[in-house]
Amino acid sequence: MRFRARDADIDELGHVNNAVWMTWIQDASVAHWLTAARPQDRDRFVAVVLRHEVDYRGNVRAGDAVSAITWVVGVPRGARYARCVEFHDEDGRTLVASLTQWALVDRETGKLARVPVEVAAPFLGDDTAQKEIE
């Protein structure tokens, strides 16, 4: 996913504000969920953020573009799972890297829900990882 910094995204130091990075992290994460999750899982579950860790390694100014990549780290534990989002400049250099702890919530009950194997499967790399969450 690509993002281009607008004038409104820029802080008093002349680069993208931290709050904007958080919005972009959320946007990339949700886009991945909406793209990879099965339709029935998108309808049944939503995820909430438990914790963000963000490392800032570079700046982006108005008009600059970055590419976001995201992936699920490891396997879910109960309702929790971790997701990385990285933002790269046009030369491929990592400017911002985040690790976010998410929890799966059942839309109907509003309660945390253990991540089912079939929900996690589209986000995991191989069958071995899927077996670990059973």
N, C-alpha and C. Protein backbone atom coordinates (compact mmCIF):
# COMPACT_ATOMS: atom_id res chain seq x y z
N MET A 1 0.85 -1.17 0.00
CA MET A 1 0.00 0.00 0.00
C MET A 1 0.90 1.23 0.00
N ARG A 2 0.52 2.24 -0.78
CA ARG A 2 1.34 3.46 -0.85
C ARG A 2 0.62 4.62 -0.17
N PHE A 3 1.41 5.46 0.46
CA PHE A 3 0.90 6.66 1.10
C PHE A 3 1.75 7.84 0.63
N ARG A 4 1.10 8.97 0.40
CA ARG A 4 1.82 10.19 0.04
C ARG A 4 1.50 11.24 1.09
N ALA A 5 2.54 11.84 1.66
CA ALA A 5 2.37 12.85 2.70
C ALA A 5 1.78 14.13 2.12
N ARG A 6 0.71 14.58 2.76
CA ARG A 6 0.07 15.83 2.37
C ARG A 6 0.54 16.94 3.31
N ASP A 7 0.30 18.17 2.95
CA ASP A 7 0.68 19.29 3.81
C ASP A 7 0.08 19.17 5.20
N ALA A 8 -1.17 18.69 5.29
CA ALA A 8 -1.85 18.54 6.58
C ALA A 8 -1.22 17.46 7.46
N ASP A 9 -0.40 16.58 6.89
CA ASP A 9 0.24 15.49 7.64
C ASP A 9 1.52 15.94 8.34
N ILE A 10 1.98 17.14 8.03
CA ILE A 10 3.31 17.60 8.44
C ILE A 10 3.23 18.34 9.78
N ASP A 11 4.20 18.04 10.67
CA ASP A 11 4.25 18.70 11.98
C ASP A 11 5.19 19.91 11.95
N GLU A 12 5.41 20.48 13.13
CA GLU A 12 6.22 21.69 13.22
C GLU A 12 7.70 21.46 12.90
N LEU A 13 8.12 20.20 12.83
CA LEU A 13 9.50 19.88 12.47
C LEU A 13 9.66 19.67 10.96
N GLY A 14 8.54 19.72 10.24
CA GLY A 14 8.61 19.61 8.79
C GLY A 14 8.52 18.19 8.25
N HIS A 15 8.11 17.23 9.10
CA HIS A 15 7.94 15.87 8.60
C HIS A 15 6.63 15.28 9.11
N VAL A 16 6.30 14.10 8.62
CA VAL A 16 5.01 13.48 8.96
C VAL A 16 4.89 13.32 10.47
N ASN A 17 3.76 13.77 10.98
CA ASN A 17 3.45 13.71 12.41
C ASN A 17 3.27 12.26 12.87
N ASN A 18 3.63 11.99 14.12
CA ASN A 18 3.50 10.64 14.68
C ASN A 18 2.06 10.11 14.59
N ALA A 19 1.09 10.97 14.81
CA ALA A 19 -0.31 10.54 14.76
C ALA A 19 -0.68 10.08 13.35
N VAL A 20 -0.10 10.69 12.34
CA VAL A 20 -0.35 10.27 10.96
C VAL A 20 0.23 8.89 10.71
N TRP A 21 1.44 8.64 11.22
CA TRP A 21 2.03 7.30 11.08
C TRP A 21 1.11 6.26 11.69
N MET A 22 0.53 6.57 12.86
CA MET A 22 -0.38 5.62 13.52
C MET A 22 -1.60 5.35 12.64
N THR A 23 -2.12 6.38 12.02
CA THR A 23 -3.26 6.21 11.11
C THR A 23 -2.86 5.32 9.94
N TRP A 24 -1.68 5.56 9.38
CA TRP A 24 -1.23 4.74 8.25
C TRP A 24 -1.00 3.29 8.67
N ILE A 25 -0.49 3.07 9.88
CA ILE A 25 -0.33 1.70 10.40
C ILE A 25 -1.69 1.01 10.45
N GLN A 26 -2.67 1.71 10.99
CA GLN A 26 -4.03 1.18 11.08
C GLN A 26 -4.59 0.90 9.68
N ASP A 27 -4.43 1.85 8.77
CA ASP A 27 -4.97 1.68 7.42
C ASP A 27 -4.35 0.48 6.71
N ALA A 28 -3.04 0.30 6.83
CA ALA A 28 -2.37 -0.84 6.20
C ALA A 28 -2.82 -2.16 6.82
N SER A 29 -2.96 -2.17 8.13
CA SER A 29 -3.38 -3.38 8.84
C SER A 29 -4.80 -3.78 8.45
N VAL A 30 -5.70 -2.83 8.46
CA VAL A 30 -7.09 -3.11 8.10
C VAL A 30 -7.20 -3.54 6.64
N ALA A 31 -6.46 -2.89 5.76
CA ALA A 31 -6.49 -3.28 4.34
C ALA A 31 -6.03 -4.72 4.16
N HIS A 32 -5.00 -5.13 4.92
CA HIS A 32 -4.53 -6.52 4.84
C HIS A 32 -5.63 -7.47 5.30
N TRP A 33 -6.27 -7.16 6.43
CA TRP A 33 -7.36 -7.98 6.94
C TRP A 33 -8.48 -8.09 5.89
N LEU A 34 -8.89 -6.97 5.32
CA LEU A 34 -10.00 -6.97 4.37
C LEU A 34 -9.65 -7.70 3.08
N THR A 35 -8.38 -7.70 2.71
CA THR A 35 -7.95 -8.37 1.49
C THR A 35 -7.78 -9.87 1.68
N ALA A 36 -7.21 -10.28 2.81
CA ALA A 36 -6.84 -11.68 2.99
C ALA A 36 -7.88 -12.53 3.73
N ALA A 37 -8.67 -11.92 4.60
CA ALA A 37 -9.63 -12.69 5.40
C ALA A 37 -10.78 -13.19 4.53
N ARG A 38 -11.30 -14.32 4.92
CA ARG A 38 -12.48 -14.85 4.24
C ARG A 38 -13.67 -13.94 4.53
N PRO A 39 -14.62 -13.82 3.59
CA PRO A 39 -15.77 -12.92 3.81
C PRO A 39 -16.51 -13.21 5.11
N GLN A 40 -16.73 -14.46 5.44
CA GLN A 40 -17.46 -14.79 6.66
C GLN A 40 -16.69 -14.37 7.92
N ASP A 41 -15.36 -14.37 7.84
CA ASP A 41 -14.56 -13.93 8.99
C ASP A 41 -14.59 -12.41 9.13
N ARG A 42 -14.56 -11.71 8.00
CA ARG A 42 -14.68 -10.24 8.04
C ARG A 42 -16.02 -9.83 8.64
N ASP A 43 -17.06 -10.60 8.36
CA ASP A 43 -18.39 -10.30 8.89
C ASP A 43 -18.50 -10.63 10.38
N ARG A 44 -17.81 -11.66 10.82
CA ARG A 44 -17.97 -12.13 12.20
C ARG A 44 -17.04 -11.45 13.20
N PHE A 45 -15.83 -11.08 12.75
CA PHE A 45 -14.82 -10.58 13.69
C PHE A 45 -14.33 -9.19 13.33
N VAL A 46 -13.82 -8.52 14.34
CA VAL A 46 -13.10 -7.26 14.19
C VAL A 46 -11.91 -7.35 15.15
N ALA A 47 -10.87 -6.60 14.88
CA ALA A 47 -9.71 -6.62 15.77
C ALA A 47 -9.53 -5.27 16.43
N VAL A 48 -9.02 -5.30 17.65
CA VAL A 48 -8.73 -4.07 18.39
C VAL A 48 -7.25 -4.06 18.76
N VAL A 49 -6.71 -2.87 18.82
CA VAL A 49 -5.30 -2.70 19.18
C VAL A 49 -5.14 -2.78 20.70
N LEU A 50 -4.14 -3.56 21.11
CA LEU A 50 -3.78 -3.63 22.53
C LEU A 50 -2.53 -2.81 22.83
N ARG A 51 -1.60 -2.78 21.86
CA ARG A 51 -0.33 -2.11 22.10
C ARG A 51 0.37 -1.84 20.78
N HIS A 52 0.97 -0.65 20.67
CA HIS A 52 1.80 -0.29 19.52
C HIS A 52 3.23 -0.05 19.98
N GLU A 53 4.19 -0.52 19.20
CA GLU A 53 5.60 -0.14 19.35
C GLU A 53 6.03 0.38 17.98
N VAL A 54 6.62 1.57 17.95
CA VAL A 54 6.99 2.18 16.68
C VAL A 54 8.43 2.67 16.76
N ASP A 55 9.21 2.30 15.77
CA ASP A 55 10.59 2.78 15.64
C ASP A 55 10.66 3.71 14.43
N TYR A 56 11.10 4.94 14.68
CA TYR A 56 11.23 5.94 13.63
C TYR A 56 12.70 6.01 13.23
N ARG A 57 12.96 5.73 11.95
CA ARG A 57 14.34 5.68 11.45
C ARG A 57 14.62 6.73 10.38
N GLY A 58 13.60 7.44 9.97
CA GLY A 58 13.76 8.44 8.93
C GLY A 58 12.55 9.34 8.87
N ASN A 59 12.64 10.39 8.08
CA ASN A 59 11.57 11.37 7.97
C ASN A 59 10.95 11.36 6.59
N VAL A 60 9.72 11.80 6.54
CA VAL A 60 9.00 11.98 5.29
C VAL A 60 8.44 13.39 5.29
N ARG A 61 8.64 14.08 4.20
CA ARG A 61 8.16 15.46 4.06
C ARG A 61 6.97 15.51 3.11
N ALA A 62 6.29 16.63 3.08
CA ALA A 62 5.12 16.79 2.20
C ALA A 62 5.50 16.45 0.76
N GLY A 63 4.65 15.65 0.14
CA GLY A 63 4.86 15.23 -1.24
C GLY A 63 5.61 13.92 -1.38
N ASP A 64 6.34 13.50 -0.33
CA ASP A 64 7.07 12.24 -0.37
C ASP A 64 6.10 11.07 -0.28
N ALA A 65 6.47 9.96 -0.90
CA ALA A 65 5.65 8.75 -0.86
C ALA A 65 6.41 7.64 -0.15
N VAL A 66 5.65 6.78 0.52
CA VAL A 66 6.20 5.60 1.16
C VAL A 66 5.32 4.40 0.80
N SER A 67 5.91 3.22 0.85
CA SER A 67 5.18 1.99 0.65
C SER A 67 5.11 1.24 1.97
N ALA A 68 3.94 0.72 2.28
CA ALA A 68 3.76 -0.05 3.51
C ALA A 68 3.69 -1.53 3.16
N ILE A 69 4.37 -2.33 3.97
CA ILE A 69 4.20 -3.79 3.90
C ILE A 69 3.81 -4.26 5.29
N THR A 70 3.02 -5.30 5.35
CA THR A 70 2.56 -5.79 6.64
C THR A 70 2.46 -7.31 6.63
N TRP A 71 2.66 -7.89 7.79
CA TRP A 71 2.55 -9.34 7.94
C TRP A 71 2.28 -9.67 9.40
N VAL A 72 1.68 -10.83 9.60
CA VAL A 72 1.43 -11.34 10.94
C VAL A 72 2.69 -12.05 11.40
N VAL A 73 3.09 -11.79 12.64
CA VAL A 73 4.31 -12.36 13.21
C VAL A 73 3.96 -13.56 14.06
N GLY A 74 4.60 -14.69 13.80
CA GLY A 74 4.36 -15.87 14.61
C GLY A 74 2.94 -16.37 14.46
N VAL A 75 2.44 -16.97 15.51
CA VAL A 75 1.09 -17.52 15.50
C VAL A 75 0.27 -16.87 16.61
N PRO A 76 -1.04 -16.79 16.41
CA PRO A 76 -1.89 -16.22 17.46
C PRO A 76 -1.82 -17.04 18.74
N ARG A 77 -2.03 -16.34 19.85
CA ARG A 77 -2.11 -16.97 21.17
C ARG A 77 -3.43 -16.54 21.78
N GLY A 78 -4.37 -17.47 21.83
CA GLY A 78 -5.71 -17.12 22.31
C GLY A 78 -6.33 -16.13 21.34
N ALA A 79 -6.74 -14.98 21.87
CA ALA A 79 -7.34 -13.94 21.04
C ALA A 79 -6.30 -13.00 20.45
N ARG A 80 -5.05 -13.10 20.92
CA ARG A 80 -4.01 -12.13 20.55
C ARG A 80 -3.17 -12.58 19.37
N TYR A 81 -2.76 -11.58 18.59
CA TYR A 81 -1.78 -11.82 17.54
C TYR A 81 -0.98 -10.55 17.31
N ALA A 82 0.20 -10.72 16.72
CA ALA A 82 1.10 -9.58 16.48
C ALA A 82 1.23 -9.34 14.99
N ARG A 83 1.33 -8.06 14.63
CA ARG A 83 1.47 -7.67 13.24
C ARG A 83 2.55 -6.62 13.12
N CYS A 84 3.41 -6.79 12.13
CA CYS A 84 4.41 -5.78 11.79
C CYS A 84 3.89 -4.98 10.61
N VAL A 85 4.20 -3.69 10.62
CA VAL A 85 4.00 -2.83 9.45
C VAL A 85 5.28 -2.04 9.30
N GLU A 86 5.83 -2.06 8.11
CA GLU A 86 7.02 -1.26 7.79
C GLU A 86 6.69 -0.33 6.65
N PHE A 87 7.32 0.85 6.71
CA PHE A 87 7.19 1.84 5.65
C PHE A 87 8.55 2.06 5.03
N HIS A 88 8.61 1.94 3.71
CA HIS A 88 9.87 2.08 2.97
C HIS A 88 9.79 3.27 2.04
N ASP A 89 10.94 3.95 1.90
CA ASP A 89 11.00 5.05 0.93
C ASP A 89 11.19 4.47 -0.47
N GLU A 90 11.33 5.33 -1.45
CA GLU A 90 11.41 4.87 -2.84
C GLU A 90 12.70 4.10 -3.12
N ASP A 91 13.71 4.23 -2.25
CA ASP A 91 14.95 3.47 -2.39
C ASP A 91 14.89 2.14 -1.63
N GLY A 92 13.76 1.85 -0.98
CA GLY A 92 13.61 0.61 -0.23
C GLY A 92 14.10 0.67 1.20
N ARG A 93 14.53 1.82 1.65
CA ARG A 93 15.03 1.98 3.02
C ARG A 93 13.85 2.03 3.99
N THR A 94 13.95 1.30 5.11
CA THR A 94 12.90 1.30 6.11
C THR A 94 12.95 2.61 6.89
N LEU A 95 11.85 3.34 6.86
CA LEU A 95 11.76 4.62 7.57
C LEU A 95 11.06 4.48 8.91
N VAL A 96 10.02 3.65 8.94
CA VAL A 96 9.26 3.42 10.16
C VAL A 96 8.93 1.94 10.22
N ALA A 97 9.10 1.36 11.41
CA ALA A 97 8.76 -0.04 11.63
C ALA A 97 7.91 -0.14 12.89
N SER A 98 6.81 -0.88 12.80
CA SER A 98 5.94 -1.01 13.96
C SER A 98 5.63 -2.47 14.24
N LEU A 99 5.37 -2.72 15.52
CA LEU A 99 4.89 -4.02 15.97
C LEU A 99 3.66 -3.73 16.81
N THR A 100 2.53 -4.28 16.40
CA THR A 100 1.27 -4.01 17.10
C THR A 100 0.68 -5.32 17.59
N GLN A 101 0.24 -5.31 18.83
CA GLN A 101 -0.48 -6.43 19.41
C GLN A 101 -1.97 -6.16 19.21
N TRP A 102 -2.65 -7.10 18.60
CA TRP A 102 -4.07 -7.00 18.32
C TRP A 102 -4.81 -8.10 19.06
N ALA A 103 -6.11 -7.92 19.26
CA ALA A 103 -6.97 -8.96 19.82
C ALA A 103 -8.21 -9.07 18.93
N LEU A 104 -8.61 -10.30 18.69
CA LEU A 104 -9.79 -10.57 17.87
C LEU A 104 -11.04 -10.46 18.74
N VAL A 105 -12.06 -9.80 18.22
CA VAL A 105 -13.32 -9.60 18.95
C VAL A 105 -14.46 -10.12 18.10
N ASP A 106 -15.36 -10.86 18.74
CA ASP A 106 -16.57 -11.34 18.08
C ASP A 106 -17.53 -10.15 17.98
N ARG A 107 -17.93 -9.80 16.78
CA ARG A 107 -18.80 -8.63 16.58
C ARG A 107 -20.13 -8.76 17.33
N GLU A 108 -20.70 -9.96 17.34
CA GLU A 108 -22.02 -10.16 17.95
C GLU A 108 -21.99 -10.01 19.46
N THR A 109 -20.99 -10.60 20.11
CA THR A 109 -20.95 -10.56 21.57
C THR A 109 -20.13 -9.39 22.11
N GLY A 110 -19.22 -8.86 21.29
CA GLY A 110 -18.34 -7.80 21.75
C GLY A 110 -17.23 -8.31 22.65
N LYS A 111 -17.08 -9.63 22.73
CA LYS A 111 -16.07 -10.24 23.61
C LYS A 111 -14.88 -10.74 22.80
N LEU A 112 -13.74 -10.85 23.49
CA LEU A 112 -12.56 -11.43 22.86
C LEU A 112 -12.88 -12.85 22.39
N ALA A 113 -12.29 -13.22 21.26
CA ALA A 113 -12.51 -14.54 20.69
C ALA A 113 -11.16 -15.16 20.35
N ARG A 114 -10.96 -16.39 20.76
CA ARG A 114 -9.76 -17.12 20.38
C ARG A 114 -9.69 -17.14 18.85
N VAL A 115 -8.50 -16.91 18.30
CA VAL A 115 -8.34 -16.88 16.85
C VAL A 115 -8.44 -18.31 16.31
N PRO A 116 -9.51 -18.63 15.58
CA PRO A 116 -9.64 -19.98 15.02
C PRO A 116 -8.57 -20.23 13.95
N VAL A 117 -8.19 -21.48 13.80
CA VAL A 117 -7.18 -21.87 12.81
C VAL A 117 -7.56 -21.38 11.43
N GLU A 118 -8.83 -21.56 11.07
CA GLU A 118 -9.25 -21.18 9.73
C GLU A 118 -9.24 -19.66 9.51
N VAL A 119 -9.36 -18.89 10.57
CA VAL A 119 -9.27 -17.43 10.46
C VAL A 119 -7.80 -17.01 10.29
N ALA A 120 -6.92 -17.67 11.01
CA ALA A 120 -5.50 -17.34 10.95
C ALA A 120 -4.83 -17.81 9.66
N ALA A 121 -5.33 -18.90 9.10
CA ALA A 121 -4.66 -19.56 7.96
C ALA A 121 -4.26 -18.63 6.81
N PRO A 122 -5.11 -17.71 6.35
CA PRO A 122 -4.70 -16.86 5.22
C PRO A 122 -3.54 -15.92 5.54
N PHE A 123 -3.22 -15.76 6.83
CA PHE A 123 -2.19 -14.81 7.24
C PHE A 123 -0.88 -15.48 7.64
N LEU A 124 -0.89 -16.80 7.68
CA LEU A 124 0.29 -17.55 8.12
C LEU A 124 0.99 -18.18 6.93
N GLY A 125 2.29 -18.38 7.09
CA GLY A 125 3.10 -18.85 5.97
C GLY A 125 3.00 -20.30 5.61
N ASP A 126 2.74 -21.18 6.58
CA ASP A 126 2.75 -22.61 6.25
C ASP A 126 1.87 -23.40 7.20
N ASP A 127 1.68 -24.69 6.88
CA ASP A 127 0.83 -25.57 7.69
C ASP A 127 1.37 -25.77 9.09
N THR A 128 2.68 -25.71 9.26
CA THR A 128 3.28 -25.91 10.59
C THR A 128 2.81 -24.82 11.54
N ALA A 129 2.82 -23.59 11.12
CA ALA A 129 2.37 -22.47 11.96
C ALA A 129 0.91 -22.65 12.32
N GLN A 130 0.10 -23.13 11.39
CA GLN A 130 -1.32 -23.33 11.67
C GLN A 130 -1.50 -24.37 12.76
N LYS A 131 -0.73 -25.43 12.74
CA LYS A 131 -0.86 -26.48 13.74
C LYS A 131 -0.49 -25.98 15.13
N GLU A 132 0.43 -25.04 15.21
CA GLU A 132 0.86 -24.52 16.50
C GLU A 132 -0.25 -23.79 17.24
N ILE A 133 -1.24 -23.24 16.53
CA ILE A 133 -2.28 -22.47 17.20
C ILE A 133 -3.46 -23.34 17.63
N GLU A 134 -3.48 -24.60 17.24
CA GLU A 134 -4.60 -25.47 17.61
C GLU A 134 -4.55 -25.81 19.08
